[in-house]
Protein backbone atom coordinates (compact mmCIF):
# COMPACT_ATOMS: atom_id res chain seq x y z
CA UNK A 1 108.80 130.32 83.42
CA UNK A 2 108.41 128.68 80.03
CA UNK A 3 106.34 130.74 77.59
CA UNK A 4 105.64 127.54 75.65
CA UNK A 5 104.12 125.64 78.59
CA UNK A 6 100.49 124.57 78.25
CA UNK A 7 99.54 126.15 81.58
CA UNK A 8 100.44 129.68 82.67
CA UNK A 9 99.26 130.60 86.16
CA UNK A 10 100.11 132.54 89.29
CA UNK A 11 99.86 131.83 93.00
CA UNK A 12 96.68 133.57 94.18
CA UNK A 13 96.80 132.43 97.81
CA UNK A 14 98.87 130.40 100.27
CA UNK A 15 97.45 128.67 103.34
CA UNK A 16 98.89 126.63 106.17
CA UNK A 17 96.95 124.73 108.83
CA UNK A 18 99.35 124.42 111.78
CA UNK A 19 97.00 122.20 113.82
CA UNK A 20 95.34 119.53 111.71
CA UNK A 21 91.62 120.29 111.26
CA UNK A 22 91.74 123.66 113.02
CA UNK A 23 91.47 126.96 111.14
CA UNK A 24 94.11 127.96 108.63
CA UNK A 25 96.47 130.91 108.35
CA UNK A 26 96.53 132.79 105.07
CA UNK A 27 100.05 133.94 104.23
CA UNK A 28 101.70 136.17 101.67
CA UNK A 29 104.76 133.91 101.67
CA UNK A 30 105.60 130.45 102.94
CA UNK A 31 108.67 128.24 102.93
CA UNK A 32 108.39 125.04 100.93
CA UNK A 33 109.78 121.90 102.57
CA UNK A 34 109.97 118.28 101.49
CA UNK A 35 106.74 117.61 103.41
CA UNK A 36 104.79 120.68 102.28
CA UNK A 37 104.61 124.25 103.51
CA UNK A 38 106.50 124.96 106.72
CA UNK A 39 104.40 124.25 109.85
CA UNK A 40 101.51 122.82 107.85
CA UNK A 41 99.82 120.09 109.91
CA UNK A 42 102.82 120.01 112.25
CA UNK A 43 100.48 119.59 115.25
CA UNK A 44 97.48 117.31 115.68
CA UNK A 45 94.77 116.80 118.29
CA UNK A 46 94.44 113.20 119.50
CA UNK A 47 92.24 111.28 121.88
CA UNK A 48 93.41 109.33 124.92
CA UNK A 49 94.47 106.45 122.66
CA UNK A 50 96.54 108.68 120.37
CA UNK A 51 94.00 108.52 117.54
CA UNK A 52 93.65 111.76 115.59
CA UNK A 53 90.43 113.71 115.78
CA UNK A 54 89.09 116.20 113.26
CA UNK A 55 86.12 118.37 112.38
CA UNK A 56 84.37 115.17 111.27
CA UNK A 57 83.86 114.35 114.95
CA UNK A 58 84.35 117.80 116.51
CA UNK A 59 83.18 120.62 114.20
CA UNK A 60 84.15 123.21 116.82
CA UNK A 61 87.78 122.64 115.85
CA UNK A 62 87.03 125.06 112.99
CA UNK A 63 86.77 127.88 115.55
CA UNK A 64 90.33 127.40 116.85
CA UNK A 65 92.33 130.12 115.11
CA UNK A 66 96.14 129.84 114.99
CA UNK A 67 98.65 132.61 114.34
CA UNK A 68 102.41 132.96 114.45
CA UNK A 69 104.06 135.53 116.70
CA UNK A 70 107.68 135.91 117.78
CA UNK A 71 108.64 132.25 117.58
CA UNK A 72 105.35 131.04 118.97
CA UNK A 73 102.23 129.36 117.71
CA UNK A 74 99.33 131.22 119.30
CA UNK A 75 95.93 129.52 119.46
CA UNK A 76 92.72 131.40 120.16
CA UNK A 77 89.15 130.18 120.55
CA UNK A 78 85.89 131.78 121.72
CA UNK A 79 85.73 132.09 125.49
CA UNK A 80 89.30 130.87 125.98
CA UNK A 81 92.52 132.59 126.96
CA UNK A 82 95.11 132.33 124.21
CA UNK A 83 97.40 129.31 124.27
CA UNK A 84 101.04 130.15 123.46
CA UNK A 85 103.32 127.33 122.27
CA UNK A 86 106.98 127.68 121.38
CA UNK A 87 107.54 126.56 117.80
CA UNK A 88 110.53 124.45 118.80
CA UNK A 89 109.09 123.02 122.04
CA UNK A 90 107.74 119.60 122.95
CA UNK A 91 107.58 117.64 126.22
CA UNK A 92 107.69 113.87 125.87
CA UNK A 93 107.51 111.20 123.18
CA UNK A 94 104.23 109.55 122.31
CA UNK A 95 102.70 107.34 119.64
CA UNK A 96 99.84 108.66 117.51
CA UNK A 97 97.75 107.34 114.68
CA UNK A 98 96.65 109.28 111.61
CA UNK A 99 94.51 107.10 109.36
CA UNK A 100 96.47 103.85 108.86
CA UNK A 101 99.82 105.26 109.98
CA UNK A 102 101.11 104.91 113.51
CA UNK A 103 104.00 107.33 113.98
CA UNK A 104 106.27 108.55 116.75
CA UNK A 105 105.44 112.10 117.81
CA UNK A 106 105.86 114.50 120.72
CA UNK A 107 103.30 115.35 123.38
CA UNK A 108 102.88 119.10 123.89
CA UNK A 109 102.16 118.80 127.59
CA UNK A 110 99.33 119.04 130.10
CA UNK A 111 98.54 122.74 129.62
CA UNK A 112 97.88 122.26 125.91
CA UNK A 113 95.92 119.08 126.62
CA UNK A 114 93.71 120.89 129.13
CA UNK A 115 93.14 123.82 126.77
CA UNK A 116 91.88 121.60 123.95
CA UNK A 117 89.84 119.44 126.33
CA UNK A 118 88.22 122.49 127.92
CA UNK A 119 87.20 123.97 124.59
CA UNK A 120 86.26 120.85 122.65
CA UNK A 121 85.22 118.47 125.42
CA UNK A 122 81.83 119.94 126.40
CA UNK A 123 79.24 118.30 124.20
CA UNK A 124 81.77 115.86 122.72
CA UNK A 125 81.30 112.09 122.85
CA UNK A 126 82.66 110.52 126.02
CA UNK A 127 85.73 109.16 124.23
CA UNK A 128 86.67 112.65 123.04
CA UNK A 129 86.38 114.64 126.25
CA UNK A 130 90.05 114.16 127.15
CA UNK A 131 92.32 115.31 124.38
CA UNK A 132 96.01 115.91 123.86
CA UNK A 133 98.08 117.87 121.37
CA UNK A 134 100.84 116.09 119.47
CA UNK A 135 103.75 117.57 117.52
CA UNK A 136 105.13 115.77 114.46
CA UNK A 137 108.66 114.45 114.97
CA UNK A 138 110.79 115.85 112.12
CA UNK A 139 113.03 112.80 112.38
CA UNK A 140 110.11 110.59 111.35
CA UNK A 141 109.44 109.80 107.70
CA UNK A 142 105.75 109.42 106.89
CA UNK A 143 105.43 108.36 103.28
CA UNK A 144 102.68 109.23 100.81
CA UNK A 145 100.98 106.34 99.03
CA UNK A 146 103.42 105.08 96.34
CA UNK A 147 100.48 103.96 94.19
CA UNK A 148 99.84 107.64 93.51
CA UNK A 149 103.40 108.96 93.56
CA UNK A 150 104.54 106.57 90.85
CA UNK A 151 106.81 104.83 93.33
CA UNK A 152 108.70 108.03 94.09
CA UNK A 153 109.56 108.84 97.69
CA UNK A 154 107.37 111.66 98.96
CA UNK A 155 106.47 112.55 102.50
CA UNK A 156 104.06 114.55 104.60
CA UNK A 157 103.51 115.35 108.27
CA UNK A 158 100.00 115.05 109.77
CA UNK A 159 98.14 115.88 106.53
CA UNK A 160 95.78 113.14 105.38
CA UNK A 161 98.28 111.74 102.94
CA UNK A 162 100.18 114.20 100.76
CA UNK A 163 102.36 117.27 101.15
CA UNK A 164 100.13 119.84 99.45
CA UNK A 165 96.60 120.50 98.29
CA UNK A 166 96.36 122.57 95.11
CA UNK A 167 93.14 124.24 93.99
CA UNK A 168 92.31 127.17 91.72
CA UNK A 169 90.36 130.38 92.06
CA UNK A 170 88.28 129.35 89.04
CA UNK A 171 87.30 126.07 90.70
CA UNK A 172 86.07 127.92 93.79
CA UNK A 173 84.16 130.35 91.55
CA UNK A 174 82.54 127.45 89.70
CA UNK A 175 81.41 125.89 92.97
CA UNK A 176 79.92 129.19 94.12
CA UNK A 177 78.09 129.66 90.82
CA UNK A 178 76.51 126.23 91.24
CA UNK A 179 75.65 126.92 94.88
CA UNK A 180 73.97 130.17 93.86
CA UNK A 181 72.00 128.42 91.12
CA UNK A 182 70.66 126.04 93.77
CA UNK A 183 69.72 128.90 96.08
CA UNK A 184 72.61 128.51 98.52
CA UNK A 185 74.98 131.12 99.94
CA UNK A 186 78.53 131.26 98.56
CA UNK A 187 81.44 129.74 100.47
CA UNK A 188 85.07 130.80 100.51
CA UNK A 189 88.27 128.84 100.00
CA UNK A 190 88.50 127.95 103.69
CA UNK A 191 85.91 125.21 103.14
CA UNK A 192 88.33 123.32 100.85
CA UNK A 193 91.46 123.84 102.98
CA UNK A 194 93.94 124.36 100.12
CA UNK A 195 97.63 125.09 100.53
CA UNK A 196 98.18 126.68 97.11
CA UNK A 197 95.40 128.42 95.17
CA UNK A 198 96.27 129.09 91.53
CA UNK A 199 94.96 131.95 89.42
CA UNK A 200 94.81 132.12 85.66
CA UNK A 201 93.35 128.63 85.14
CA UNK A 202 89.98 127.43 83.96
CA UNK A 203 87.87 125.61 86.55
CA UNK A 204 89.47 122.32 87.58
CA UNK A 205 92.44 122.65 85.23
CA UNK A 206 94.48 121.60 88.27
CA UNK A 207 93.04 118.11 87.72
CA UNK A 208 94.71 117.82 84.36
CA UNK A 209 98.22 119.22 84.73
CA UNK A 210 101.49 117.44 85.31
CA UNK A 211 104.44 118.83 87.26
CA UNK A 212 104.18 122.54 88.03
CA UNK A 213 107.20 124.82 88.04
CA UNK A 214 106.97 127.70 90.49
CA UNK A 215 109.30 130.66 90.00
CA UNK A 216 110.13 130.80 93.70
CA UNK A 217 112.55 133.09 95.46
CA UNK A 218 116.03 131.58 95.33
CA UNK A 219 115.26 129.38 92.34
CA UNK A 220 112.46 127.28 90.88
CA UNK A 221 110.38 124.82 92.86
CA UNK A 222 108.70 121.79 91.32
CA UNK A 223 105.52 120.20 92.64
CA UNK A 224 103.33 117.58 91.02
CA UNK A 225 99.59 117.02 91.44
CA UNK A 226 99.21 113.23 91.76
CA UNK A 227 95.84 112.35 93.34
CA UNK A 228 92.36 113.89 93.25
CA UNK A 229 91.35 114.99 96.73
CA UNK A 230 88.27 113.06 97.85
CA UNK A 231 86.12 115.25 100.04
CA UNK A 232 84.62 114.35 103.40
CA UNK A 233 81.94 116.28 105.36
CA UNK A 234 84.41 119.02 106.41
CA UNK A 235 83.57 121.37 103.48
CA UNK A 236 80.07 121.53 104.93
CA UNK A 237 81.34 122.89 108.28
CA UNK A 238 80.91 126.66 108.47
CA UNK A 239 84.37 127.97 109.47
CA UNK A 240 82.85 131.00 111.23
CA UNK A 241 80.20 129.22 113.31
CA UNK A 242 81.11 125.49 113.23
CA UNK A 243 77.54 124.78 112.13
CA UNK A 244 77.19 121.83 109.77
CA UNK A 245 75.10 121.50 106.63
CA UNK A 246 74.94 119.58 103.37
CA UNK A 247 74.89 122.22 100.61
CA UNK A 248 78.52 121.94 99.53
CA UNK A 249 78.68 118.19 99.18
CA UNK A 250 75.17 118.07 97.69
CA UNK A 251 76.37 120.50 95.02
CA UNK A 252 79.63 118.64 94.39
CA UNK A 253 77.61 115.46 93.95
CA UNK A 254 76.07 116.98 90.84
CA UNK A 255 79.35 117.41 88.95
CA UNK A 256 82.38 116.14 90.85
CA UNK A 257 81.92 112.36 91.24
CA UNK A 258 85.36 111.12 90.17
CA UNK A 259 85.95 107.70 88.62
CA UNK A 260 89.66 107.95 89.45
CA UNK A 261 88.81 107.47 93.13
CA UNK A 262 85.86 105.09 92.84
CA UNK A 263 83.25 107.78 92.39
CA UNK A 264 84.18 109.87 95.42
CA UNK A 265 83.45 113.59 95.29
CA UNK A 266 86.69 115.43 94.57
CA UNK A 267 87.87 119.02 94.66
CA UNK A 268 91.52 119.98 94.22
CA UNK A 269 94.58 117.85 93.75
CA UNK A 270 96.95 116.37 96.30
CA UNK A 271 100.50 117.17 95.26
CA UNK A 272 104.02 116.07 96.15
CA UNK A 273 107.21 118.12 96.30
CA UNK A 274 109.79 117.17 93.68
CA UNK A 275 112.28 120.03 94.05
CA UNK A 276 112.64 123.23 96.00
CA UNK A 277 113.13 122.32 99.66
CA UNK A 278 113.76 125.63 101.41
CA UNK A 279 112.49 127.81 98.57
CA UNK A 280 110.23 130.73 99.49
CA UNK A 281 106.82 130.74 97.80
CA UNK A 282 104.99 134.05 97.48
CA UNK A 283 101.58 135.19 96.32
CA UNK A 284 101.93 136.45 92.75
CA UNK A 285 104.74 134.10 91.72
CA UNK A 286 104.42 132.61 88.27
CA UNK A 287 103.59 128.93 87.75
CA UNK A 288 103.83 126.90 84.55
CA UNK A 289 103.25 123.31 83.48
CA UNK A 290 102.02 121.00 80.74
CA UNK A 291 98.90 118.92 80.45
CA UNK A 292 99.13 115.37 81.76
CA UNK A 293 98.14 112.58 79.40
CA UNK A 294 97.71 109.32 81.33
């Protein structure tokens, strides 16, 4: 870690979201890959046409809690028996769509499809009563937008568009201070769905840094924040109850309208992986970088 770098930070928290738009898993350590943290958004719920679905349409996805156990992804939800999926298993090829990208993927089979349909289908719109679970095909290359990567090759799996989302503890604290000032209850980091939460920064310093060097196990890793993360209604979904509100986005509207993305409300930075495939990231590791001057 360079003592002369503009930014000196540490990793405060690591999160992965194995099934896109379901609950996350907070980890003490996680392997970095070219497409983000291992198993992050490796699975995705789709409708009968292969179109991805999220908490935007089905807030109850927030109640589906994944965990890892003995080579399995275990999914639990209120009133449901646990669904156990082998991490290396898939049944048959399928085509899915995530935003503008149609990609080859793997169907996880009828048992998984029935489990998600049984839990999410009641009360869902007619088109979303029959659901399936897809697994990203590691042979597929899904590229991040080169307009933001500077033309560099960078990939992701089923995340919205980039390998990682980087936020800071100070940014979450600032949001909670503003929520409290408006008479609202605090929210935790789960609302913003970060992968890497940095400590030791001022609020929203992550917006202004260039490439970040992480002193990872086995050697340094290099990631670069490249695009402000425009927020949708998901931060207003309570991760404990799946109830929806407006307090978070109403508060962000007062100070986080971002001209870089046409006035969208932003929180955190989408980042790409430059170096460090296979490195092990851990909470407490040191991070350094310099300010970005565009």
